[in-house]
C-alpha atoms as a PDB file:
ATOM      1  CA  MET A   1     -24.048 -19.268 -27.226  1.00  0.00           C
ATOM      2  CA  ILE A   2     -25.221 -16.939 -24.414  1.00  0.00           C
ATOM      3  CA  PHE A   3     -24.072 -19.485 -21.840  1.00  0.00           C
ATOM      4  CA  PHE A   4     -20.541 -19.672 -23.279  1.00  0.00           C
ATOM      5  CA  ARG A   5     -20.390 -15.886 -23.569  1.00  0.00           C
ATOM      6  CA  LYS A   6     -21.184 -15.596 -19.850  1.00  0.00           C
ATOM      7  CA  ILE A   7     -18.436 -18.094 -19.028  1.00  0.00           C
ATOM      8  CA  ILE A   8     -15.882 -16.127 -21.067  1.00  0.00           C
ATOM      9  CA  LEU A   9     -16.912 -12.853 -19.422  1.00  0.00           C
ATOM     10  CA  ALA A  10     -16.658 -14.454 -15.985  1.00  0.00           C
ATOM     11  CA  ILE A  11     -13.148 -15.718 -16.736  1.00  0.00           C
ATOM     12  CA  ILE A  12     -12.076 -12.279 -17.964  1.00  0.00           C
ATOM     13  CA  PHE A  13     -13.550 -10.575 -14.906  1.00  0.00           C
ATOM     14  CA  PHE A  14     -11.927 -13.044 -12.522  1.00  0.00           C
ATOM     15  CA  SER A  15      -8.542 -12.574 -14.186  1.00  0.00           C
ATOM     16  CA  VAL A  16      -8.787  -8.790 -13.927  1.00  0.00           C
ATOM     17  CA  SER A  17      -9.866  -9.018 -10.296  1.00  0.00           C
ATOM     18  CA  LEU A  18      -6.891 -11.207  -9.430  1.00  0.00           C
ATOM     19  CA  SER A  19      -4.448  -8.796 -11.043  1.00  0.00           C
ATOM     20  CA  ALA A  20      -5.823  -5.994  -8.852  1.00  0.00           C
ATOM     21  CA  MET A  21      -5.439  -7.801  -5.554  1.00  0.00           C
ATOM     22  CA  ALA A  22      -3.096  -6.204  -3.035  1.00  0.00           C
ATOM     23  CA  TRP A  23      -0.242  -8.582  -2.196  1.00  0.00           C
ATOM     24  CA  GLY A  24      -2.100 -11.209  -4.214  1.00  0.00           C
ATOM     25  CA  ILE A  25      -3.502 -14.325  -2.591  1.00  0.00           C
ATOM     26  CA  THR A  26      -0.136 -15.597  -1.361  1.00  0.00           C
ATOM     27  CA  GLY A  27       1.035 -12.279   0.086  1.00  0.00           C
ATOM     28  CA  HIS A  28      -2.112 -11.724   2.119  1.00  0.00           C
ATOM     29  CA  ARG A  29      -1.945 -15.249   3.485  1.00  0.00           C
ATOM     30  CA  ILE A  30       1.680 -14.668   4.507  1.00  0.00           C
ATOM     31  CA  VAL A  31       0.660 -11.578   6.492  1.00  0.00           C
ATOM     32  CA  GLY A  32      -2.261 -13.447   8.065  1.00  0.00           C
ATOM     33  CA  ALA A  33      -0.189 -16.482   9.036  1.00  0.00           C
ATOM     34  CA  ILE A  34       2.546 -14.319  10.581  1.00  0.00           C
ATOM     35  CA  ALA A  35      -0.102 -12.468  12.588  1.00  0.00           C
ATOM     36  CA  GLU A  36      -1.527 -15.779  13.830  1.00  0.00           C
ATOM     37  CA  SER A  37       1.853 -16.738  15.250  1.00  0.00           C
ATOM     38  CA  TYR A  38       1.869 -13.689  17.547  1.00  0.00           C
ATOM     39  CA  LEU A  39      -1.726 -13.672  18.791  1.00  0.00           C
ATOM     40  CA  SER A  40      -2.469 -13.665  22.490  1.00  0.00           C
ATOM     41  CA  ALA A  41      -4.475 -16.557  23.931  1.00  0.00           C
ATOM     42  CA  LYS A  42      -7.510 -14.296  24.349  1.00  0.00           C
ATOM     43  CA  ALA A  43      -7.299 -12.974  20.801  1.00  0.00           C
ATOM     44  CA  LYS A  44      -6.990 -16.521  19.423  1.00  0.00           C
ATOM     45  CA  LYS A  45     -10.099 -17.577  21.326  1.00  0.00           C
ATOM     46  CA  GLU A  46     -12.160 -14.604  20.147  1.00  0.00           C
ATOM     47  CA  ILE A  47     -11.008 -14.943  16.541  1.00  0.00           C
ATOM     48  CA  GLN A  48     -11.866 -18.642  16.551  1.00  0.00           C
ATOM     49  CA  ARG A  49     -15.305 -17.805  17.948  1.00  0.00           C
ATOM     50  CA  ILE A  50     -15.867 -15.356  15.079  1.00  0.00           C
ATOM     51  CA  LEU A  51     -14.239 -17.229  12.177  1.00  0.00           C
ATOM     52  CA  GLY A  52     -14.871 -20.803  13.278  1.00  0.00           C
ATOM     53  CA  THR A  53     -12.539 -23.145  11.416  1.00  0.00           C
ATOM     54  CA  GLU A  54     -11.366 -20.390   9.057  1.00  0.00           C
ATOM     55  CA  SER A  55      -7.811 -19.296   9.857  1.00  0.00           C
ATOM     56  CA  VAL A  56      -6.588 -15.687   9.787  1.00  0.00           C
ATOM     57  CA  ALA A  57      -4.490 -16.608   6.750  1.00  0.00           C
ATOM     58  CA  MET A  58      -7.464 -17.969   4.829  1.00  0.00           C
ATOM     59  CA  ALA A  59      -9.730 -15.088   5.886  1.00  0.00           C
ATOM     60  CA  SER A  60      -7.216 -12.578   4.549  1.00  0.00           C
ATOM     61  CA  ASN A  61      -8.402 -12.702   0.918  1.00  0.00           C
ATOM     62  CA  TRP A  62     -12.147 -12.405   1.489  1.00  0.00           C
ATOM     63  CA  ALA A  63     -12.102  -8.627   0.832  1.00  0.00           C
ATOM     64  CA  ASP A  64     -10.681  -9.258  -2.641  1.00  0.00           C
ATOM     65  CA  PHE A  65     -12.867 -12.242  -3.464  1.00  0.00           C
ATOM     66  CA  ILE A  66     -16.070 -10.278  -2.784  1.00  0.00           C
ATOM     67  CA  LYS A  67     -15.114  -7.731  -5.458  1.00  0.00           C
ATOM     68  CA  SER A  68     -17.052 -10.043  -7.766  1.00  0.00           C
ATOM     69  CA  ASP A  69     -20.250  -9.024  -5.919  1.00  0.00           C
ATOM     70  CA  SER A  70     -21.429  -5.509  -6.815  1.00  0.00           C
ATOM     71  CA  ALA A  71     -23.146  -5.252  -3.425  1.00  0.00           C
ATOM     72  CA  TYR A  72     -19.666  -4.663  -1.976  1.00  0.00           C
ATOM     73  CA  ASP A  73     -18.543  -2.004  -4.467  1.00  0.00           C
ATOM     74  CA  TYR A  74     -18.649   0.576  -1.679  1.00  0.00           C
ATOM     75  CA  LEU A  75     -15.552  -1.076  -0.167  1.00  0.00           C
ATOM     76  CA  TYR A  76     -13.318  -0.190  -3.134  1.00  0.00           C
ATOM     77  CA  ASN A  77     -11.703   2.909  -1.574  1.00  0.00           C
ATOM     78  CA  TRP A  78     -11.145   1.128   1.736  1.00  0.00           C
ATOM     79  CA  HIS A  79      -8.126  -0.711   0.301  1.00  0.00           C
ATOM     80  CA  PHE A  80      -5.757   2.263  -0.115  1.00  0.00           C
ATOM     81  CA  ALA A  81      -4.905   5.881   0.736  1.00  0.00           C
ATOM     82  CA  ASN A  82      -3.464   7.775  -2.220  1.00  0.00           C
ATOM     83  CA  MET A  83      -1.172  10.708  -1.412  1.00  0.00           C
ATOM     84  CA  PRO A  84       0.489  13.584  -3.329  1.00  0.00           C
ATOM     85  CA  ASP A  85       4.278  13.706  -3.534  1.00  0.00           C
ATOM     86  CA  GLY A  86       6.599  15.635  -1.248  1.00  0.00           C
ATOM     87  CA  LEU A  87       4.915  15.201   2.129  1.00  0.00           C
ATOM     88  CA  ASN A  88       6.680  14.718   5.458  1.00  0.00           C
ATOM     89  CA  PHE A  89       5.345  12.544   8.278  1.00  0.00           C
ATOM     90  CA  GLU A  90       3.317  15.290   9.933  1.00  0.00           C
ATOM     91  CA  GLN A  91       1.706  16.230   6.610  1.00  0.00           C
ATOM     92  CA  VAL A  92       0.846  12.606   5.819  1.00  0.00           C
ATOM     93  CA  LYS A  93      -0.572  12.141   9.323  1.00  0.00           C
ATOM     94  CA  GLU A  94      -2.651  15.322   9.039  1.00  0.00           C
ATOM     95  CA  LYS A  95      -4.026  14.312   5.657  1.00  0.00           C
ATOM     96  CA  LEU A  96      -4.930  10.829   6.897  1.00  0.00           C
ATOM     97  CA  GLU A  97      -6.654  12.146   9.994  1.00  0.00           C
ATOM     98  CA  ASN A  98      -8.558  14.946   8.251  1.00  0.00           C
ATOM     99  CA  ASP A  99      -9.604  13.216   5.032  1.00  0.00           C
ATOM    100  CA  THR A 100     -13.362  12.678   5.201  1.00  0.00           C
ATOM    101  CA  ALA A 101     -13.458  10.460   2.104  1.00  0.00           C
ATOM    102  CA  ALA A 102     -13.276   6.710   2.665  1.00  0.00           C
ATOM    103  CA  ASN A 103      -9.718   5.383   2.729  1.00  0.00           C
ATOM    104  CA  ALA A 104      -7.747   2.582   4.373  1.00  0.00           C
ATOM    105  CA  TYR A 105      -6.747   4.724   7.358  1.00  0.00           C
ATOM    106  CA  ASN A 106     -10.140   5.920   8.522  1.00  0.00           C
ATOM    107  CA  LYS A 107     -11.805   2.609   7.702  1.00  0.00           C
ATOM    108  CA  ILE A 108      -9.268   0.544   9.654  1.00  0.00           C
ATOM    109  CA  ASN A 109      -9.949   2.852  12.603  1.00  0.00           C
ATOM    110  CA  PHE A 110     -13.697   2.475  12.080  1.00  0.00           C
ATOM    111  CA  ILE A 111     -13.546  -1.326  11.874  1.00  0.00           C
ATOM    112  CA  SER A 112     -11.305  -1.538  14.948  1.00  0.00           C
ATOM    113  CA  ARG A 113     -13.859   0.423  16.979  1.00  0.00           C
ATOM    114  CA  GLU A 114     -16.737  -1.667  15.670  1.00  0.00           C
ATOM    115  CA  LEU A 115     -15.053  -4.944  16.594  1.00  0.00           C
ATOM    116  CA  LYS A 116     -14.924  -3.783  20.224  1.00  0.00           C
ATOM    117  CA  ASN A 117     -18.717  -3.414  20.230  1.00  0.00           C
ATOM    118  CA  LYS A 118     -20.089  -6.345  22.203  1.00  0.00           C
ATOM    119  CA  GLN A 119     -23.547  -5.851  20.659  1.00  0.00           C
ATOM    120  CA  LEU A 120     -22.354  -6.473  17.110  1.00  0.00           C
ATOM    121  CA  THR A 121     -23.970  -9.474  15.401  1.00  0.00           C
ATOM    122  CA  ILE A 122     -21.727 -12.436  14.618  1.00  0.00           C
ATOM    123  CA  ASP A 123     -22.160 -11.835  10.875  1.00  0.00           C
ATOM    124  CA  LYS A 124     -20.963  -8.239  11.254  1.00  0.00           C
ATOM    125  CA  GLN A 125     -18.067  -9.361  13.453  1.00  0.00           C
ATOM    126  CA  ARG A 126     -17.013 -11.887  10.837  1.00  0.00           C
ATOM    127  CA  MET A 127     -17.221  -9.385   7.996  1.00  0.00           C
ATOM    128  CA  TYR A 128     -15.328  -6.663   9.855  1.00  0.00           C
ATOM    129  CA  LEU A 129     -12.644  -9.050  11.064  1.00  0.00           C
ATOM    130  CA  ARG A 130     -12.038 -10.337   7.534  1.00  0.00           C
ATOM    131  CA  LEU A 131     -11.855  -6.760   6.254  1.00  0.00           C
ATOM    132  CA  LEU A 132      -9.452  -5.655   8.971  1.00  0.00           C
ATOM    133  CA  ILE A 133      -7.108  -8.569   8.306  1.00  0.00           C
ATOM    134  CA  HIS A 134      -7.042  -7.665   4.637  1.00  0.00           C
ATOM    135  CA  PHE A 135      -6.732  -3.891   4.881  1.00  0.00           C
ATOM    136  CA  VAL A 136      -3.839  -3.992   7.349  1.00  0.00           C
ATOM    137  CA  GLY A 137      -2.062  -6.210   4.839  1.00  0.00           C
ATOM    138  CA  ASP A 138      -2.961  -3.814   2.017  1.00  0.00           C
ATOM    139  CA  ILE A 139      -1.289  -0.760   3.489  1.00  0.00           C
ATOM    140  CA  HIS A 140       2.039  -2.550   3.859  1.00  0.00           C
ATOM    141  CA  GLN A 141       2.146  -2.963   0.078  1.00  0.00           C
ATOM    142  CA  PRO A 142       3.832   0.364  -0.787  1.00  0.00           C
ATOM    143  CA  MET A 143       1.742   1.126  -3.859  1.00  0.00           C
ATOM    144  CA  HIS A 144      -1.399   1.223  -1.713  1.00  0.00           C
ATOM    145  CA  VAL A 145      -0.123   4.565  -0.474  1.00  0.00           C
ATOM    146  CA  GLY A 146       0.722   5.640  -4.017  1.00  0.00           C
ATOM    147  CA  ARG A 147      -0.333   8.571  -6.173  1.00  0.00           C
ATOM    148  CA  LEU A 148      -3.910   9.254  -7.228  1.00  0.00           C
ATOM    149  CA  GLU A 149      -2.998  10.312 -10.775  1.00  0.00           C
ATOM    150  CA  ASP A 150      -1.543   6.906 -11.677  1.00  0.00           C
ATOM    151  CA  LEU A 151      -3.934   4.867  -9.490  1.00  0.00           C
ATOM    152  CA  GLY A 152      -1.222   3.726  -7.118  1.00  0.00           C
ATOM    153  CA  GLY A 153       1.173   2.675  -9.878  1.00  0.00           C
ATOM    154  CA  ASN A 154      -1.413   0.881 -12.032  1.00  0.00           C
ATOM    155  CA  ARG A 155      -0.642   3.285 -14.887  1.00  0.00           C
ATOM    156  CA  ILE A 156       3.147   2.980 -14.513  1.00  0.00           C
ATOM    157  CA  ARG A 157       3.835   0.440 -17.231  1.00  0.00           C
ATOM    158  CA  VAL A 158       6.828  -1.885 -16.900  1.00  0.00           C
ATOM    159  CA  MET A 159       8.070  -5.143 -18.380  1.00  0.00           C
ATOM    160  CA  TRP A 160       8.475  -7.943 -15.856  1.00  0.00           C
ATOM    161  CA  PHE A 161      10.920 -10.174 -17.719  1.00  0.00           C
ATOM    162  CA  ARG A 162       9.058 -10.606 -21.052  1.00  0.00           C
ATOM    163  CA  ASP A 163       5.572  -9.787 -19.788  1.00  0.00           C
ATOM    164  CA  SER A 164       3.835  -6.418 -19.867  1.00  0.00           C
ATOM    165  CA  SER A 165       2.885  -5.354 -16.356  1.00  0.00           C
ATOM    166  CA  ASN A 166       2.641  -2.298 -14.114  1.00  0.00           C
ATOM    167  CA  LEU A 167       4.290  -1.156 -10.909  1.00  0.00           C
ATOM    168  CA  HIS A 168       1.246  -1.900  -8.766  1.00  0.00           C
ATOM    169  CA  ARG A 169       0.772  -5.430 -10.044  1.00  0.00           C
ATOM    170  CA  LEU A 170       4.496  -6.113  -9.727  1.00  0.00           C
ATOM    171  CA  TRP A 171       4.338  -5.377  -6.007  1.00  0.00           C
ATOM    172  CA  ASP A 172       0.922  -6.914  -5.480  1.00  0.00           C
ATOM    173  CA  GLU A 173       1.800 -10.360  -6.655  1.00  0.00           C
ATOM    174  CA  GLN A 174       4.599 -10.823  -9.160  1.00  0.00           C
ATOM    175  CA  LEU A 175       7.516 -10.242  -6.782  1.00  0.00           C
ATOM    176  CA  VAL A 176       5.942 -12.509  -4.166  1.00  0.00           C
ATOM    177  CA  ASP A 177       5.148 -15.222  -6.704  1.00  0.00           C
ATOM    178  CA  PHE A 178       8.676 -14.984  -8.146  1.00  0.00           C
ATOM    179  CA  GLN A 179      10.049 -16.434  -4.884  1.00  0.00           C
ATOM    180  CA  LYS A 180       8.311 -19.739  -5.757  1.00  0.00           C
ATOM    181  CA  LEU A 181       7.198 -20.475  -2.211  1.00  0.00           C
ATOM    182  CA  SER A 182       3.833 -21.454  -0.787  1.00  0.00           C
ATOM    183  CA  TYR A 183       2.558 -19.067   1.860  1.00  0.00           C
ATOM    184  CA  THR A 184       3.504 -21.510   4.637  1.00  0.00           C
ATOM    185  CA  GLU A 185       7.005 -21.933   3.212  1.00  0.00           C
ATOM    186  CA  TYR A 186       7.328 -18.163   2.898  1.00  0.00           C
ATOM    187  CA  VAL A 187       6.342 -17.631   6.535  1.00  0.00           C
ATOM    188  CA  LYS A 188       8.960 -20.152   7.684  1.00  0.00           C
ATOM    189  CA  THR A 189      11.542 -18.256   5.641  1.00  0.00           C
ATOM    190  CA  ILE A 190      10.920 -14.704   6.931  1.00  0.00           C
ATOM    191  CA  ASN A 191       9.105 -14.956  10.276  1.00  0.00           C
ATOM    192  CA  TYR A 192      12.035 -14.229  12.573  1.00  0.00           C
ATOM    193  CA  THR A 193      11.658 -11.374  15.057  1.00  0.00           C
ATOM    194  CA  THR A 194      12.728 -10.663  18.615  1.00  0.00           C
ATOM    195  CA  SER A 195      10.217  -9.706  21.290  1.00  0.00           C
ATOM    196  CA  SER A 196      11.790  -6.243  21.531  1.00  0.00           C
ATOM    197  CA  GLN A 197      11.507  -5.778  17.755  1.00  0.00           C
ATOM    198  CA  ARG A 198       7.841  -6.793  17.771  1.00  0.00           C
ATOM    199  CA  LEU A 199       7.127  -4.498  20.705  1.00  0.00           C
ATOM    200  CA  ALA A 200       8.796  -1.553  18.949  1.00  0.00           C
ATOM    201  CA  TRP A 201       6.840  -2.153  15.728  1.00  0.00           C
ATOM    202  CA  GLN A 202       3.554  -2.570  17.563  1.00  0.00           C
ATOM    203  CA  LYS A 203       4.086   0.672  19.481  1.00  0.00           C
ATOM    204  CA  GLN A 204       4.245   2.609  16.220  1.00  0.00           C
ATOM    205  CA  PRO A 205       1.118   4.678  15.516  1.00  0.00           C
ATOM    206  CA  MET A 206      -0.790   3.484  12.465  1.00  0.00           C
ATOM    207  CA  ALA A 207       0.069   6.718  10.635  1.00  0.00           C
ATOM    208  CA  GLN A 208       3.705   5.593  10.776  1.00  0.00           C
ATOM    209  CA  TRP A 209       2.822   2.398   8.890  1.00  0.00           C
ATOM    210  CA  PHE A 210       1.263   4.479   6.154  1.00  0.00           C
ATOM    211  CA  PHE A 211       4.192   6.887   6.066  1.00  0.00           C
ATOM    212  CA  GLU A 212       6.727   4.071   5.673  1.00  0.00           C
ATOM    213  CA  SER A 213       4.755   2.671   2.735  1.00  0.00           C
ATOM    214  CA  TYR A 214       4.442   6.192   1.347  1.00  0.00           C
ATOM    215  CA  GLN A 215       8.225   6.675   1.476  1.00  0.00           C
ATOM    216  CA  LEU A 216       8.852   3.295  -0.126  1.00  0.00           C
ATOM    217  CA  SER A 217       6.365   3.979  -2.907  1.00  0.00           C
ATOM    218  CA  ARG A 218       8.155   7.200  -3.820  1.00  0.00           C
ATOM    219  CA  GLN A 219      11.446   5.327  -3.958  1.00  0.00           C
ATOM    220  CA  LEU A 220       9.864   2.756  -6.266  1.00  0.00           C
ATOM    221  CA  TYR A 221       8.350   5.442  -8.485  1.00  0.00           C
ATOM    222  CA  ASN A 222      11.715   7.206  -8.827  1.00  0.00           C
ATOM    223  CA  GLU A 223      13.435   4.026  -9.961  1.00  0.00           C
ATOM    224  CA  ILE A 224      11.245   3.765 -13.057  1.00  0.00           C
ATOM    225  CA  LYS A 225      12.885   6.050 -15.624  1.00  0.00           C
ATOM    226  CA  GLN A 226      10.864   5.211 -18.744  1.00  0.00           C
ATOM    227  CA  PRO A 227       7.629   3.501 -19.842  1.00  0.00           C
ATOM    228  CA  TYR A 228       7.903  -0.265 -20.197  1.00  0.00           C
ATOM    229  CA  GLN A 229      11.254  -0.330 -18.414  1.00  0.00           C
ATOM    230  CA  ARG A 230      12.411  -3.928 -18.296  1.00  0.00           C
ATOM    231  CA  LEU A 231      12.763  -5.396 -14.795  1.00  0.00           C
ATOM    232  CA  SER A 232      13.998  -8.866 -13.978  1.00  0.00           C
ATOM    233  CA  TYR A 233      16.512 -10.674 -11.750  1.00  0.00           C
ATOM    234  CA  ARG A 234      18.354  -7.553 -10.621  1.00  0.00           C
ATOM    235  CA  TYR A 235      15.120  -5.872  -9.543  1.00  0.00           C
ATOM    236  CA  ASP A 236      14.213  -8.880  -7.439  1.00  0.00           C
ATOM    237  CA  TYR A 237      17.707  -8.960  -5.902  1.00  0.00           C
ATOM    238  CA  ASP A 238      17.546  -5.268  -5.001  1.00  0.00           C
ATOM    239  CA  HIS A 239      14.013  -5.346  -3.570  1.00  0.00           C
ATOM    240  CA  VAL A 240      13.333  -8.734  -2.026  1.00  0.00           C
ATOM    241  CA  ALA A 241      14.535  -7.612   1.426  1.00  0.00           C
ATOM    242  CA  ILE A 242      12.093  -4.665   1.322  1.00  0.00           C
ATOM    243  CA  LEU A 243       9.326  -7.000   0.169  1.00  0.00           C
ATOM    244  CA  ASN A 244       9.966  -9.466   2.985  1.00  0.00           C
ATOM    245  CA  ARG A 245      10.226  -6.771   5.628  1.00  0.00           C
ATOM    246  CA  GLN A 246       6.888  -5.257   4.606  1.00  0.00           C
ATOM    247  CA  LEU A 247       5.192  -8.652   4.712  1.00  0.00           C
ATOM    248  CA  LEU A 248       6.714  -9.341   8.124  1.00  0.00           C
ATOM    249  CA  LYS A 249       5.789  -5.922   9.490  1.00  0.00           C
ATOM    250  CA  GLY A 250       2.266  -6.352   8.176  1.00  0.00           C
ATOM    251  CA  GLY A 251       1.874  -9.564  10.146  1.00  0.00           C
ATOM    252  CA  VAL A 252       3.362  -8.153  13.340  1.00  0.00           C
ATOM    253  CA  HIS A 253       1.281  -4.970  13.139  1.00  0.00           C
ATOM    254  CA  LEU A 254      -1.869  -6.988  12.476  1.00  0.00           C
ATOM    255  CA  ALA A 255      -1.199  -9.228  15.479  1.00  0.00           C
ATOM    256  CA  GLY A 256      -0.700  -6.213  17.717  1.00  0.00           C
ATOM    257  CA  MET A 257      -3.949  -4.643  16.535  1.00  0.00           C
ATOM    258  CA  LEU A 258      -5.937  -7.859  16.997  1.00  0.00           C
ATOM    259  CA  ASN A 259      -4.452  -8.425  20.468  1.00  0.00           C
ATOM    260  CA  GLU A 260      -5.483  -4.901  21.470  1.00  0.00           C
ATOM    261  CA  ILE A 261      -9.013  -5.209  20.030  1.00  0.00           C
ATOM    262  CA  PHE A 262      -9.705  -8.488  21.806  1.00  0.00           C
ATOM    263  CA  ALA A 263      -7.888  -7.688  25.065  1.00  0.00           C
ATOM    264  CA  ASN A 264     -11.138  -7.193  27.020  1.00  0.00           C
END
């Protein structure tokens, strides 16, 4: 009886953990695979040295999978940066730079610095690289720069077709999964950029990435007029271009960051 109870609890916990994943498994792999396509030769070599046979795409979900281990609970706040409404770019930038509490912005900066440390053990390099891949993907999901009071949209209840959901989960996984593509198929569908476009995106300061997600999240909040508002085909039609652009930008930004970290 105790054995079966443990199995049931494990299944429940795993299901809850999956519903809380930013971009979901497929979305993170899309970002990782796009990033891989724009890596420099030096970055590819260093990443292969650290990850071995594990690809960037497959490493992208490690930070969510280890939520099942309480030893990593301290990483919870590293996935997002909640913000109050009504801020302009300079105010968002100031808040990100001055916030002493753990958040995605200061931890991405921390991990980036650590990965340049030649004295870091291979285990630490592997952990930090996996985290960086994931967190850069996270912040391109708009609700990861959402509001604190509703936990980044987790308390904004909606109906996705006939299923009860919330705004965060909708953008984490349900919109991506609705396209009915594997992550490799998805990458082939959206991974089209010019060199000048990639250069322009990669020149953006990281605060700009956060601000763009912040602006998008407020747009998404404002579209929900009532609890359990029903969303379906029209919502997908109106938002799939935004979804795809954020996934694409996430991959391009990640590639630029990895190329810079492993340039020397």
